[in-house]
PDB file of N, CA and C in Angstrom:
ATOM      1  N   MET A   1      33.346   2.935  -1.913  1.00  0.00           N
ATOM      2  CA  MET A   1      32.139   3.683  -2.237  1.00  0.00           C
ATOM      3  C   MET A   1      31.168   3.549  -1.063  1.00  0.00           C
ATOM      4  N   SER A   2      30.617   4.664  -0.625  1.00  0.00           N
ATOM      5  CA  SER A   2      29.668   4.635   0.490  1.00  0.00           C
ATOM      6  C   SER A   2      28.372   3.943   0.062  1.00  0.00           C
ATOM      7  N   LEU A   3      27.622   3.496   1.042  1.00  0.00           N
ATOM      8  CA  LEU A   3      26.346   2.848   0.746  1.00  0.00           C
ATOM      9  C   LEU A   3      25.417   3.808   0.012  1.00  0.00           C
ATOM     10  N   ARG A   4      25.418   5.071   0.421  1.00  0.00           N
ATOM     11  CA  ARG A   4      24.572   6.078  -0.251  1.00  0.00           C
ATOM     12  C   ARG A   4      24.960   6.193  -1.727  1.00  0.00           C
ATOM     13  N   SER A   5      26.252   6.280  -2.007  1.00  0.00           N
ATOM     14  CA  SER A   5      26.726   6.392  -3.389  1.00  0.00           C
ATOM     15  C   SER A   5      26.419   5.132  -4.181  1.00  0.00           C
ATOM     16  N   ARG A   6      26.603   3.984  -3.549  1.00  0.00           N
ATOM     17  CA  ARG A   6      26.328   2.702  -4.206  1.00  0.00           C
ATOM     18  C   ARG A   6      24.843   2.577  -4.561  1.00  0.00           C
ATOM     19  N   LEU A   7      23.980   2.940  -3.622  1.00  0.00           N
ATOM     20  CA  LEU A   7      22.535   2.894  -3.860  1.00  0.00           C
ATOM     21  C   LEU A   7      22.152   3.849  -4.977  1.00  0.00           C
ATOM     22  N   ARG A   8      22.648   5.066  -4.895  1.00  0.00           N
ATOM     23  CA  ARG A   8      22.292   6.073  -5.897  1.00  0.00           C
ATOM     24  C   ARG A   8      22.769   5.657  -7.291  1.00  0.00           C
ATOM     25  N   ALA A   9      23.995   5.144  -7.391  1.00  0.00           N
ATOM     26  CA  ALA A   9      24.518   4.704  -8.688  1.00  0.00           C
ATOM     27  C   ALA A   9      23.687   3.553  -9.234  1.00  0.00           C
ATOM     28  N   HIS A  10      23.313   2.625  -8.371  1.00  0.00           N
ATOM     29  CA  HIS A  10      22.510   1.482  -8.815  1.00  0.00           C
ATOM     30  C   HIS A  10      21.153   1.948  -9.341  1.00  0.00           C
ATOM     31  N   LEU A  11      20.493   2.806  -8.605  1.00  0.00           N
ATOM     32  CA  LEU A  11      19.166   3.277  -9.026  1.00  0.00           C
ATOM     33  C   LEU A  11      19.254   4.122 -10.294  1.00  0.00           C
ATOM     34  N   ARG A  12      20.318   4.884 -10.421  1.00  0.00           N
ATOM     35  CA  ARG A  12      20.498   5.745 -11.591  1.00  0.00           C
ATOM     36  C   ARG A  12      20.844   4.926 -12.836  1.00  0.00           C
ATOM     37  N   ASP A  13      21.691   3.911 -12.675  1.00  0.00           N
ATOM     38  CA  ASP A  13      22.262   3.208 -13.822  1.00  0.00           C
ATOM     39  C   ASP A  13      21.545   1.918 -14.207  1.00  0.00           C
ATOM     40  N   THR A  14      20.603   1.461 -13.414  1.00  0.00           N
ATOM     41  CA  THR A  14      19.902   0.216 -13.678  1.00  0.00           C
ATOM     42  C   THR A  14      18.525   0.525 -14.262  1.00  0.00           C
ATOM     43  N   ASP A  15      18.230  -0.064 -15.410  1.00  0.00           N
ATOM     44  CA  ASP A  15      16.929   0.204 -16.036  1.00  0.00           C
ATOM     45  C   ASP A  15      15.777  -0.296 -15.173  1.00  0.00           C
ATOM     46  N   THR A  16      15.794  -1.567 -14.838  1.00  0.00           N
ATOM     47  CA  THR A  16      14.740  -2.144 -14.022  1.00  0.00           C
ATOM     48  C   THR A  16      15.337  -2.560 -12.690  1.00  0.00           C
ATOM     49  N   VAL A  17      14.897  -1.896 -11.650  1.00  0.00           N
ATOM     50  CA  VAL A  17      15.391  -2.121 -10.294  1.00  0.00           C
ATOM     51  C   VAL A  17      14.489  -3.154  -9.623  1.00  0.00           C
ATOM     52  N   ILE A  18      15.088  -4.033  -8.842  1.00  0.00           N
ATOM     53  CA  ILE A  18      14.304  -5.010  -8.088  1.00  0.00           C
ATOM     54  C   ILE A  18      14.224  -4.523  -6.641  1.00  0.00           C
ATOM     55  N   VAL A  19      13.002  -4.406  -6.144  1.00  0.00           N
ATOM     56  CA  VAL A  19      12.797  -4.022  -4.746  1.00  0.00           C
ATOM     57  C   VAL A  19      12.169  -5.193  -4.008  1.00  0.00           C
ATOM     58  N   GLN A  20      12.381  -5.202  -2.710  1.00  0.00           N
ATOM     59  CA  GLN A  20      11.826  -6.275  -1.879  1.00  0.00           C
ATOM     60  C   GLN A  20      10.964  -5.678  -0.781  1.00  0.00           C
ATOM     61  N   THR A  21       9.767  -6.224  -0.671  1.00  0.00           N
ATOM     62  CA  THR A  21       8.846  -5.870   0.397  1.00  0.00           C
ATOM     63  C   THR A  21       8.520  -7.145   1.158  1.00  0.00           C
ATOM     64  N   VAL A  22       7.726  -7.023   2.204  1.00  0.00           N
ATOM     65  CA  VAL A  22       7.334  -8.187   2.999  1.00  0.00           C
ATOM     66  C   VAL A  22       5.815  -8.274   3.007  1.00  0.00           C
ATOM     67  N   THR A  23       5.298  -9.451   2.715  1.00  0.00           N
ATOM     68  CA  THR A  23       3.845  -9.657   2.711  1.00  0.00           C
ATOM     69  C   THR A  23       3.315  -9.664   4.149  1.00  0.00           C
ATOM     70  N   ALA A  24       1.997  -9.596   4.285  1.00  0.00           N
ATOM     71  CA  ALA A  24       1.375  -9.633   5.615  1.00  0.00           C
ATOM     72  C   ALA A  24       1.741 -10.910   6.359  1.00  0.00           C
ATOM     73  N   GLY A  25       1.984 -11.987   5.620  1.00  0.00           N
ATOM     74  CA  GLY A  25       2.371 -13.253   6.233  1.00  0.00           C
ATOM     75  C   GLY A  25       3.852 -13.351   6.566  1.00  0.00           C
ATOM     76  N   GLY A  26       4.619 -12.304   6.237  1.00  0.00           N
ATOM     77  CA  GLY A  26       6.039 -12.287   6.563  1.00  0.00           C
ATOM     78  C   GLY A  26       6.965 -12.788   5.473  1.00  0.00           C
ATOM     79  N   SER A  27       6.424 -13.113   4.313  1.00  0.00           N
ATOM     80  CA  SER A  27       7.259 -13.603   3.215  1.00  0.00           C
ATOM     81  C   SER A  27       7.816 -12.439   2.400  1.00  0.00           C
ATOM     82  N   PRO A  28       9.083 -12.528   2.011  1.00  0.00           N
ATOM     83  CA  PRO A  28       9.636 -11.483   1.148  1.00  0.00           C
ATOM     84  C   PRO A  28       9.047 -11.581  -0.255  1.00  0.00           C
ATOM     85  N   ARG A  29       8.815 -10.445  -0.866  1.00  0.00           N
ATOM     86  CA  ARG A  29       8.269 -10.397  -2.224  1.00  0.00           C
ATOM     87  C   ARG A  29       9.110  -9.410  -3.025  1.00  0.00           C
ATOM     88  N   ARG A  30       9.645  -9.857  -4.147  1.00  0.00           N
ATOM     89  CA  ARG A  30      10.458  -9.003  -5.011  1.00  0.00           C
ATOM     90  C   ARG A  30       9.643  -8.542  -6.209  1.00  0.00           C
ATOM     91  N   THR A  31       9.832  -7.256  -6.547  1.00  0.00           N
ATOM     92  CA  THR A  31       9.056  -6.628  -7.609  1.00  0.00           C
ATOM     93  C   THR A  31       9.982  -5.769  -8.468  1.00  0.00           C
ATOM     94  N   PRO A  32       9.892  -5.878  -9.790  1.00  0.00           N
ATOM     95  CA  PRO A  32      10.662  -4.984 -10.653  1.00  0.00           C
ATOM     96  C   PRO A  32       9.948  -3.634 -10.786  1.00  0.00           C
ATOM     97  N   ILE A  33      10.709  -2.568 -10.608  1.00  0.00           N
ATOM     98  CA  ILE A  33      10.155  -1.214 -10.776  1.00  0.00           C
ATOM     99  C   ILE A  33      11.193  -0.348 -11.486  1.00  0.00           C
ATOM    100  N   TRP A  34      10.800   0.876 -11.785  1.00  0.00           N
ATOM    101  CA  TRP A  34      11.721   1.836 -12.379  1.00  0.00           C
ATOM    102  C   TRP A  34      12.057   2.898 -11.347  1.00  0.00           C
ATOM    103  N   ALA A  35      13.305   3.344 -11.377  1.00  0.00           N
ATOM    104  CA  ALA A  35      13.787   4.368 -10.449  1.00  0.00           C
ATOM    105  C   ALA A  35      14.565   5.410 -11.239  1.00  0.00           C
ATOM    106  N   VAL A  36      14.611   6.616 -10.705  1.00  0.00           N
ATOM    107  CA  VAL A  36      15.353   7.693 -11.373  1.00  0.00           C
ATOM    108  C   VAL A  36      16.171   8.495 -10.365  1.00  0.00           C
ATOM    109  N   ASP A  37      17.109   9.223 -10.917  1.00  0.00           N
ATOM    110  CA  ASP A  37      17.932  10.141 -10.165  1.00  0.00           C
ATOM    111  C   ASP A  37      17.521  11.543 -10.614  1.00  0.00           C
ATOM    112  N   ALA A  38      17.142  12.384  -9.678  1.00  0.00           N
ATOM    113  CA  ALA A  38      16.705  13.738 -10.010  1.00  0.00           C
ATOM    114  C   ALA A  38      16.932  14.649  -8.817  1.00  0.00           C
ATOM    115  N   ASP A  39      17.212  15.898  -9.091  1.00  0.00           N
ATOM    116  CA  ASP A  39      17.323  16.899  -8.031  1.00  0.00           C
ATOM    117  C   ASP A  39      18.298  16.450  -6.933  1.00  0.00           C
ATOM    118  N   GLY A  40      19.354  15.713  -7.329  1.00  0.00           N
ATOM    119  CA  GLY A  40      20.380  15.296  -6.386  1.00  0.00           C
ATOM    120  C   GLY A  40      20.039  14.114  -5.502  1.00  0.00           C
ATOM    121  N   ALA A  41      19.005  13.353  -5.843  1.00  0.00           N
ATOM    122  CA  ALA A  41      18.602  12.210  -5.017  1.00  0.00           C
ATOM    123  C   ALA A  41      17.977  11.134  -5.910  1.00  0.00           C
ATOM    124  N   SER A  42      17.651   9.996  -5.299  1.00  0.00           N
ATOM    125  CA  SER A  42      17.022   8.884  -6.014  1.00  0.00           C
ATOM    126  C   SER A  42      15.541   8.812  -5.649  1.00  0.00           C
ATOM    127  N   TYR A  43      14.731   8.475  -6.655  1.00  0.00           N
ATOM    128  CA  TYR A  43      13.288   8.467  -6.462  1.00  0.00           C
ATOM    129  C   TYR A  43      12.638   7.254  -7.114  1.00  0.00           C
ATOM    130  N   ILE A  44      11.518   6.837  -6.533  1.00  0.00           N
ATOM    131  CA  ILE A  44      10.651   5.832  -7.129  1.00  0.00           C
ATOM    132  C   ILE A  44       9.219   6.332  -6.997  1.00  0.00           C
ATOM    133  N   ARG A  45       8.354   5.737  -7.789  1.00  0.00           N
ATOM    134  CA  ARG A  45       6.913   5.980  -7.642  1.00  0.00           C
ATOM    135  C   ARG A  45       6.174   4.797  -8.237  1.00  0.00           C
ATOM    136  N   SER A  46       4.946   4.666  -7.855  1.00  0.00           N
ATOM    137  CA  SER A  46       4.112   3.567  -8.337  1.00  0.00           C
ATOM    138  C   SER A  46       3.362   4.018  -9.583  1.00  0.00           C
ATOM    139  N   SER A  47       3.603   3.335 -10.693  1.00  0.00           N
ATOM    140  CA  SER A  47       2.931   3.714 -11.941  1.00  0.00           C
ATOM    141  C   SER A  47       1.424   3.495 -11.870  1.00  0.00           C
ATOM    142  N   HIS A  48       0.977   2.667 -10.934  1.00  0.00           N
ATOM    143  CA  HIS A  48      -0.453   2.387 -10.799  1.00  0.00           C
ATOM    144  C   HIS A  48      -1.066   3.066  -9.573  1.00  0.00           C
ATOM    145  N   GLY A  49      -0.337   4.017  -9.012  1.00  0.00           N
ATOM    146  CA  GLY A  49      -0.869   4.775  -7.891  1.00  0.00           C
ATOM    147  C   GLY A  49      -0.757   4.051  -6.569  1.00  0.00           C
ATOM    148  N   PRO A  50      -1.393   4.597  -5.539  1.00  0.00           N
ATOM    149  CA  PRO A  50      -1.261   4.054  -4.191  1.00  0.00           C
ATOM    150  C   PRO A  50      -1.912   2.688  -3.999  1.00  0.00           C
ATOM    151  N   GLY A  51      -2.720   2.233  -4.939  1.00  0.00           N
ATOM    152  CA  GLY A  51      -3.365   0.942  -4.815  1.00  0.00           C
ATOM    153  C   GLY A  51      -2.481  -0.232  -5.217  1.00  0.00           C
ATOM    154  N   SER A  52      -1.295   0.053  -5.726  1.00  0.00           N
ATOM    155  CA  SER A  52      -0.380  -1.010  -6.131  1.00  0.00           C
ATOM    156  C   SER A  52       0.046  -1.832  -4.919  1.00  0.00           C
ATOM    157  N   ALA A  53       0.096  -3.151  -5.072  1.00  0.00           N
ATOM    158  CA  ALA A  53       0.424  -4.039  -3.953  1.00  0.00           C
ATOM    159  C   ALA A  53       1.810  -3.755  -3.380  1.00  0.00           C
ATOM    160  N   TRP A  54       2.823  -3.619  -4.244  1.00  0.00           N
ATOM    161  CA  TRP A  54       4.179  -3.402  -3.713  1.00  0.00           C
ATOM    162  C   TRP A  54       4.253  -2.076  -2.963  1.00  0.00           C
ATOM    163  N   TYR A  55       3.556  -1.052  -3.475  1.00  0.00           N
ATOM    164  CA  TYR A  55       3.575   0.258  -2.841  1.00  0.00           C
ATOM    165  C   TYR A  55       2.930   0.191  -1.458  1.00  0.00           C
ATOM    166  N   GLY A  56       1.821  -0.509  -1.361  1.00  0.00           N
ATOM    167  CA  GLY A  56       1.151  -0.664  -0.069  1.00  0.00           C
ATOM    168  C   GLY A  56       2.034  -1.362   0.952  1.00  0.00           C
ATOM    169  N   ARG A  57       2.733  -2.408   0.511  1.00  0.00           N
ATOM    170  CA  ARG A  57       3.649  -3.109   1.430  1.00  0.00           C
ATOM    171  C   ARG A  57       4.838  -2.224   1.793  1.00  0.00           C
ATOM    172  N   ALA A  58       5.375  -1.491   0.819  1.00  0.00           N
ATOM    173  CA  ALA A  58       6.548  -0.643   1.061  1.00  0.00           C
ATOM    174  C   ALA A  58       6.247   0.484   2.037  1.00  0.00           C
ATOM    175  N   THR A  59       5.058   1.051   1.939  1.00  0.00           N
ATOM    176  CA  THR A  59       4.707   2.169   2.804  1.00  0.00           C
ATOM    177  C   THR A  59       4.059   1.709   4.102  1.00  0.00           C
ATOM    178  N   GLY A  60       3.829   0.413   4.203  1.00  0.00           N
ATOM    179  CA  GLY A  60       3.295  -0.159   5.437  1.00  0.00           C
ATOM    180  C   GLY A  60       4.427  -0.466   6.402  1.00  0.00           C
ATOM    181  N   SER A  61       4.168  -1.347   7.319  1.00  0.00           N
ATOM    182  CA  SER A  61       5.148  -1.641   8.363  1.00  0.00           C
ATOM    183  C   SER A  61       6.332  -2.462   7.870  1.00  0.00           C
ATOM    184  N   GLY A  62       6.217  -3.094   6.701  1.00  0.00           N
ATOM    185  CA  GLY A  62       7.283  -3.962   6.209  1.00  0.00           C
ATOM    186  C   GLY A  62       8.474  -3.245   5.607  1.00  0.00           C
ATOM    187  N   GLY A  63       8.278  -2.020   5.119  1.00  0.00           N
ATOM    188  CA  GLY A  63       9.365  -1.265   4.524  1.00  0.00           C
ATOM    189  C   GLY A  63       9.781  -1.770   3.156  1.00  0.00           C
ATOM    190  N   LEU A  64      10.935  -1.295   2.715  1.00  0.00           N
ATOM    191  CA  LEU A  64      11.417  -1.594   1.375  1.00  0.00           C
ATOM    192  C   LEU A  64      12.920  -1.781   1.402  1.00  0.00           C
ATOM    193  N   ALA A  65      13.395  -2.691   0.564  1.00  0.00           N
ATOM    194  CA  ALA A  65      14.823  -2.873   0.337  1.00  0.00           C
ATOM    195  C   ALA A  65      15.046  -2.910  -1.165  1.00  0.00           C
ATOM    196  N   VAL A  66      16.210  -2.437  -1.595  1.00  0.00           N
ATOM    197  CA  VAL A  66      16.603  -2.500  -2.991  1.00  0.00           C
ATOM    198  C   VAL A  66      17.604  -3.633  -3.123  1.00  0.00           C
ATOM    199  N   ILE A  67      17.428  -4.475  -4.122  1.00  0.00           N
ATOM    200  CA  ILE A  67      18.340  -5.591  -4.342  1.00  0.00           C
ATOM    201  C   ILE A  67      19.517  -5.092  -5.183  1.00  0.00           C
ATOM    202  N   ILE A  68      20.709  -5.131  -4.584  1.00  0.00           N
ATOM    203  CA  ILE A  68      21.933  -4.723  -5.277  1.00  0.00           C
ATOM    204  C   ILE A  68      22.906  -5.886  -5.197  1.00  0.00           C
ATOM    205  N   ASP A  69      23.281  -6.412  -6.348  1.00  0.00           N
ATOM    206  CA  ASP A  69      24.205  -7.561  -6.406  1.00  0.00           C
ATOM    207  C   ASP A  69      23.738  -8.700  -5.502  1.00  0.00           C
ATOM    208  N   GLY A  70      22.431  -8.963  -5.518  1.00  0.00           N
ATOM    209  CA  GLY A  70      21.868 -10.062  -4.750  1.00  0.00           C
ATOM    210  C   GLY A  70      21.616  -9.765  -3.288  1.00  0.00           C
ATOM    211  N   GLU A  71      22.024  -8.605  -2.819  1.00  0.00           N
ATOM    212  CA  GLU A  71      21.873  -8.225  -1.412  1.00  0.00           C
ATOM    213  C   GLU A  71      20.689  -7.275  -1.243  1.00  0.00           C
ATOM    214  N   ALA A  72      19.857  -7.528  -0.233  1.00  0.00           N
ATOM    215  CA  ALA A  72      18.736  -6.639   0.080  1.00  0.00           C
ATOM    216  C   ALA A  72      19.253  -5.483   0.920  1.00  0.00           C
ATOM    217  N   VAL A  73      19.246  -4.280   0.347  1.00  0.00           N
ATOM    218  CA  VAL A  73      19.725  -3.078   1.022  1.00  0.00           C
ATOM    219  C   VAL A  73      18.512  -2.284   1.514  1.00  0.00           C
ATOM    220  N   PRO A  74      18.247  -2.269   2.827  1.00  0.00           N
ATOM    221  CA  PRO A  74      17.093  -1.532   3.348  1.00  0.00           C
ATOM    222  C   PRO A  74      17.221  -0.029   3.068  1.00  0.00           C
ATOM    223  N   VAL A  75      16.096   0.577   2.750  1.00  0.00           N
ATOM    224  CA  VAL A  75      16.064   2.007   2.483  1.00  0.00           C
ATOM    225  C   VAL A  75      14.959   2.669   3.298  1.00  0.00           C
ATOM    226  N   THR A  76      15.112   3.966   3.485  1.00  0.00           N
ATOM    227  CA  THR A  76      14.029   4.755   4.057  1.00  0.00           C
ATOM    228  C   THR A  76      13.308   5.436   2.903  1.00  0.00           C
ATOM    229  N   LEU A  77      12.038   5.627   3.080  1.00  0.00           N
ATOM    230  CA  LEU A  77      11.201   6.260   2.066  1.00  0.00           C
ATOM    231  C   LEU A  77      10.677   7.578   2.612  1.00  0.00           C
ATOM    232  N   THR A  78      10.899   8.633   1.852  1.00  0.00           N
ATOM    233  CA  THR A  78      10.395   9.940   2.242  1.00  0.00           C
ATOM    234  C   THR A  78       9.432  10.422   1.171  1.00  0.00           C
ATOM    235  N   PRO A  79       8.142  10.579   1.505  1.00  0.00           N
ATOM    236  CA  PRO A  79       7.179  11.069   0.517  1.00  0.00           C
ATOM    237  C   PRO A  79       7.585  12.454   0.010  1.00  0.00           C
ATOM    238  N   VAL A  80       7.365  12.673  -1.271  1.00  0.00           N
ATOM    239  CA  VAL A  80       7.713  13.943  -1.912  1.00  0.00           C
ATOM    240  C   VAL A  80       6.438  14.696  -2.255  1.00  0.00           C
ATOM    241  N   THR A  81       6.313  15.894  -1.713  1.00  0.00           N
ATOM    242  CA  THR A  81       5.146  16.715  -2.012  1.00  0.00           C
ATOM    243  C   THR A  81       5.509  17.996  -2.758  1.00  0.00           C
ATOM    244  N   ASP A  82       6.775  18.343  -2.788  1.00  0.00           N
ATOM    245  CA  ASP A  82       7.244  19.563  -3.454  1.00  0.00           C
ATOM    246  C   ASP A  82       7.008  19.454  -4.965  1.00  0.00           C
ATOM    247  N   GLU A  83       6.259  20.391  -5.526  1.00  0.00           N
ATOM    248  CA  GLU A  83       5.911  20.354  -6.950  1.00  0.00           C
ATOM    249  C   GLU A  83       7.140  20.458  -7.849  1.00  0.00           C
ATOM    250  N   HIS A  84       8.122  21.271  -7.458  1.00  0.00           N
ATOM    251  CA  HIS A  84       9.345  21.395  -8.256  1.00  0.00           C
ATOM    252  C   HIS A  84      10.059  20.042  -8.347  1.00  0.00           C
ATOM    253  N   VAL A  85      10.178  19.356  -7.226  1.00  0.00           N
ATOM    254  CA  VAL A  85      10.824  18.038  -7.226  1.00  0.00           C
ATOM    255  C   VAL A  85       9.994  17.060  -8.042  1.00  0.00           C
ATOM    256  N   GLN A  86       8.682  17.100  -7.894  1.00  0.00           N
ATOM    257  CA  GLN A  86       7.802  16.227  -8.690  1.00  0.00           C
ATOM    258  C   GLN A  86       8.054  16.438 -10.185  1.00  0.00           C
ATOM    259  N   ASP A  87       8.167  17.702 -10.596  1.00  0.00           N
ATOM    260  CA  ASP A  87       8.430  18.019 -12.005  1.00  0.00           C
ATOM    261  C   ASP A  87       9.784  17.469 -12.447  1.00  0.00           C
ATOM    262  N   GLU A  88      10.793  17.579 -11.588  1.00  0.00           N
ATOM    263  CA  GLU A  88      12.122  17.054 -11.897  1.00  0.00           C
ATOM    264  C   GLU A  88      12.089  15.526 -12.034  1.00  0.00           C
ATOM    265  N   VAL A  89      11.322  14.876 -11.183  1.00  0.00           N
ATOM    266  CA  VAL A  89      11.182  13.416 -11.257  1.00  0.00           C
ATOM    267  C   VAL A  89      10.460  13.033 -12.549  1.00  0.00           C
ATOM    268  N   ASP A  90       9.405  13.763 -12.916  1.00  0.00           N
ATOM    269  CA  ASP A  90       8.727  13.521 -14.195  1.00  0.00           C
ATOM    270  C   ASP A  90       9.726  13.583 -15.347  1.00  0.00           C
ATOM    271  N   LEU A  91      10.517  14.648 -15.377  1.00  0.00           N
ATOM    272  CA  LEU A  91      11.496  14.836 -16.443  1.00  0.00           C
ATOM    273  C   LEU A  91      12.516  13.700 -16.454  1.00  0.00           C
ATOM    274  N   ALA A  92      12.975  13.295 -15.277  1.00  0.00           N
ATOM    275  CA  ALA A  92      13.949  12.203 -15.194  1.00  0.00           C
ATOM    276  C   ALA A  92      13.365  10.904 -15.748  1.00  0.00           C
ATOM    277  N   TYR A  93      12.107  10.618 -15.441  1.00  0.00           N
ATOM    278  CA  TYR A  93      11.466   9.418 -16.005  1.00  0.00           C
ATOM    279  C   TYR A  93      11.362   9.532 -17.527  1.00  0.00           C
ATOM    280  N   ARG A  94      10.982  10.699 -18.016  1.00  0.00           N
ATOM    281  CA  ARG A  94      10.853  10.877 -19.470  1.00  0.00           C
ATOM    282  C   ARG A  94      12.191  10.694 -20.188  1.00  0.00           C
ATOM    283  N   ILE A  95      13.266  11.155 -19.569  1.00  0.00           N
ATOM    284  CA  ILE A  95      14.595  11.041 -20.187  1.00  0.00           C
ATOM    285  C   ILE A  95      15.132   9.617 -20.074  1.00  0.00           C
ATOM    286  N   LYS A  96      15.116   9.056 -18.884  1.00  0.00           N
ATOM    287  CA  LYS A  96      15.709   7.729 -18.681  1.00  0.00           C
ATOM    288  C   LYS A  96      14.977   6.655 -19.471  1.00  0.00           C
ATOM    289  N   TYR A  97      13.661   6.757 -19.552  1.00  0.00           N
ATOM    290  CA  TYR A  97      12.858   5.723 -20.202  1.00  0.00           C
ATOM    291  C   TYR A  97      12.207   6.236 -21.493  1.00  0.00           C
ATOM    292  N   VAL A  98      12.947   7.053 -22.231  1.00  0.00           N
ATOM    293  CA  VAL A  98      12.437   7.659 -23.458  1.00  0.00           C
ATOM    294  C   VAL A  98      11.960   6.607 -24.461  1.00  0.00           C
ATOM    295  N   ASP A  99      12.550   5.414 -24.434  1.00  0.00           N
ATOM    296  CA  ASP A  99      12.166   4.371 -25.371  1.00  0.00           C
ATOM    297  C   ASP A  99      10.946   3.569 -24.911  1.00  0.00           C
ATOM    298  N   GLN A 100      10.327   3.973 -23.786  1.00  0.00           N
ATOM    299  CA  GLN A 100       9.154   3.276 -23.249  1.00  0.00           C
ATOM    300  C   GLN A 100       7.996   4.260 -22.997  1.00  0.00           C
ATOM    301  N   PRO A 101       7.625   5.059 -23.996  1.00  0.00           N
ATOM    302  CA  PRO A 101       6.629   6.122 -23.746  1.00  0.00           C
ATOM    303  C   PRO A 101       5.289   5.623 -23.221  1.00  0.00           C
ATOM    304  N   GLN A 102       4.876   4.413 -23.608  1.00  0.00           N
ATOM    305  CA  GLN A 102       3.586   3.908 -23.157  1.00  0.00           C
ATOM    306  C   GLN A 102       3.575   3.682 -21.643  1.00  0.00           C
ATOM    307  N   PHE A 103       4.729   3.348 -21.043  1.00  0.00           N
ATOM    308  CA  PHE A 103       4.808   3.139 -19.599  1.00  0.00           C
ATOM    309  C   PHE A 103       5.102   4.440 -18.860  1.00  0.00           C
ATOM    310  N   VAL A 104       5.892   5.296 -19.469  1.00  0.00           N
ATOM    311  CA  VAL A 104       6.222   6.584 -18.846  1.00  0.00           C
ATOM    312  C   VAL A 104       4.955   7.399 -18.644  1.00  0.00           C
ATOM    313  N   ARG A 105       4.035   7.299 -19.566  1.00  0.00           N
ATOM    314  CA  ARG A 105       2.762   8.025 -19.450  1.00  0.00           C
ATOM    315  C   ARG A 105       2.111   7.754 -18.092  1.00  0.00           C
ATOM    316  N   ASN A 106       2.143   6.490 -17.646  1.00  0.00           N
ATOM    317  CA  ASN A 106       1.583   6.147 -16.337  1.00  0.00           C
ATOM    318  C   ASN A 106       2.428   6.726 -15.205  1.00  0.00           C
ATOM    319  N   LEU A 107       3.744   6.688 -15.354  1.00  0.00           N
ATOM    320  CA  LEU A 107       4.640   7.136 -14.286  1.00  0.00           C
ATOM    321  C   LEU A 107       4.608   8.641 -14.042  1.00  0.00           C
ATOM    322  N   VAL A 108       4.178   9.401 -15.025  1.00  0.00           N
ATOM    323  CA  VAL A 108       4.104  10.851 -14.843  1.00  0.00           C
ATOM    324  C   VAL A 108       2.657  11.339 -14.727  1.00  0.00           C
ATOM    325  N   SER A 109       1.765  10.415 -14.482  1.00  0.00           N
ATOM    326  CA  SER A 109       0.337  10.749 -14.390  1.00  0.00           C
ATOM    327  C   SER A 109      -0.036  11.333 -13.027  1.00  0.00           C
ATOM    328  N   ARG A 110      -1.222  11.906 -12.955  1.00  0.00           N
ATOM    329  CA  ARG A 110      -1.739  12.435 -11.682  1.00  0.00           C
ATOM    330  C   ARG A 110      -1.965  11.324 -10.664  1.00  0.00           C
ATOM    331  N   THR A 111      -2.128  10.102 -11.136  1.00  0.00           N
ATOM    332  CA  THR A 111      -2.285   8.960 -10.234  1.00  0.00           C
ATOM    333  C   THR A 111      -0.951   8.581  -9.595  1.00  0.00           C
ATOM    334  N   ALA A 112       0.118   8.625 -10.379  1.00  0.00           N
ATOM    335  CA  ALA A 112       1.438   8.188  -9.895  1.00  0.00           C
ATOM    336  C   ALA A 112       2.173   9.259  -9.092  1.00  0.00           C
ATOM    337  N   ARG A 113       2.054  10.508  -9.469  1.00  0.00           N
ATOM    338  CA  ARG A 113       2.838  11.575  -8.817  1.00  0.00           C
ATOM    339  C   ARG A 113       2.729  11.581  -7.290  1.00  0.00           C
ATOM    340  N   PRO A 114       1.553  11.385  -6.705  1.00  0.00           N
ATOM    341  CA  PRO A 114       1.475  11.415  -5.230  1.00  0.00           C
ATOM    342  C   PRO A 114       2.208  10.261  -4.559  1.00  0.00           C
ATOM    343  N   THR A 115       2.637   9.246  -5.313  1.00  0.00           N
ATOM    344  CA  THR A 115       3.341   8.125  -4.718  1.00  0.00           C
ATOM    345  C   THR A 115       4.861   8.287  -4.776  1.00  0.00           C
ATOM    346  N   THR A 116       5.327   9.436  -5.217  1.00  0.00           N
ATOM    347  CA  THR A 116       6.767   9.664  -5.339  1.00  0.00           C
ATOM    348  C   THR A 116       7.431   9.645  -3.973  1.00  0.00           C
ATOM    349  N   MET A 117       8.523   8.863  -3.902  1.00  0.00           N
ATOM    350  CA  MET A 117       9.271   8.749  -2.648  1.00  0.00           C
ATOM    351  C   MET A 117      10.761   8.870  -2.925  1.00  0.00           C
ATOM    352  N   ARG A 118      11.445   9.613  -2.067  1.00  0.00           N
ATOM    353  CA  ARG A 118      12.899   9.667  -2.121  1.00  0.00           C
ATOM    354  C   ARG A 118      13.450   8.471  -1.350  1.00  0.00           C
ATOM    355  N   LEU A 119      14.475   7.834  -1.895  1.00  0.00           N
ATOM    356  CA  LEU A 119      15.099   6.688  -1.243  1.00  0.00           C
ATOM    357  C   LEU A 119      16.447   7.078  -0.663  1.00  0.00           C
ATOM    358  N   ASP A 120      16.680   6.655   0.561  1.00  0.00           N
ATOM    359  CA  ASP A 120      17.963   6.842   1.230  1.00  0.00           C
ATOM    360  C   ASP A 120      18.297   5.550   1.954  1.00  0.00           C
ATOM    361  N   PRO A 121      19.596   5.227   2.091  1.00  0.00           N
ATOM    362  CA  PRO A 121      19.944   4.029   2.866  1.00  0.00           C
ATOM    363  C   PRO A 121      19.382   4.118   4.269  1.00  0.00           C
ATOM    364  N   ALA A 122      18.899   2.990   4.775  1.00  0.00           N
ATOM    365  CA  ALA A 122      18.337   2.972   6.136  1.00  0.00           C
ATOM    366  C   ALA A 122      19.454   3.070   7.181  1.00  0.00           C
TER     367      ALA A 122
END
């Protein structure tokens, strides 16, 4: 299985994904987040908007890695501005996390949508 396929399957099939960022002091920091598969790709977003600590580190110089089977897999992040893709990501969050409506509400909010990023292996 290619790294792209492995990453996509992990993000699609895992309820709570663990991502790793690096603090300003250089220490790795792991954070649980939710990820979805939509429009033929994998996506994440910050439920608390751009002010979230993990999001700031991920979009800063430290980057982001997804933890798969204990291994930190570096990814590239591509901001998503296309409204159609944003709508597809909203729908994917609503479907995948249907049993968590109180949290999904934040993930599909006007605060969270601008933080949507497509993930690809680095």
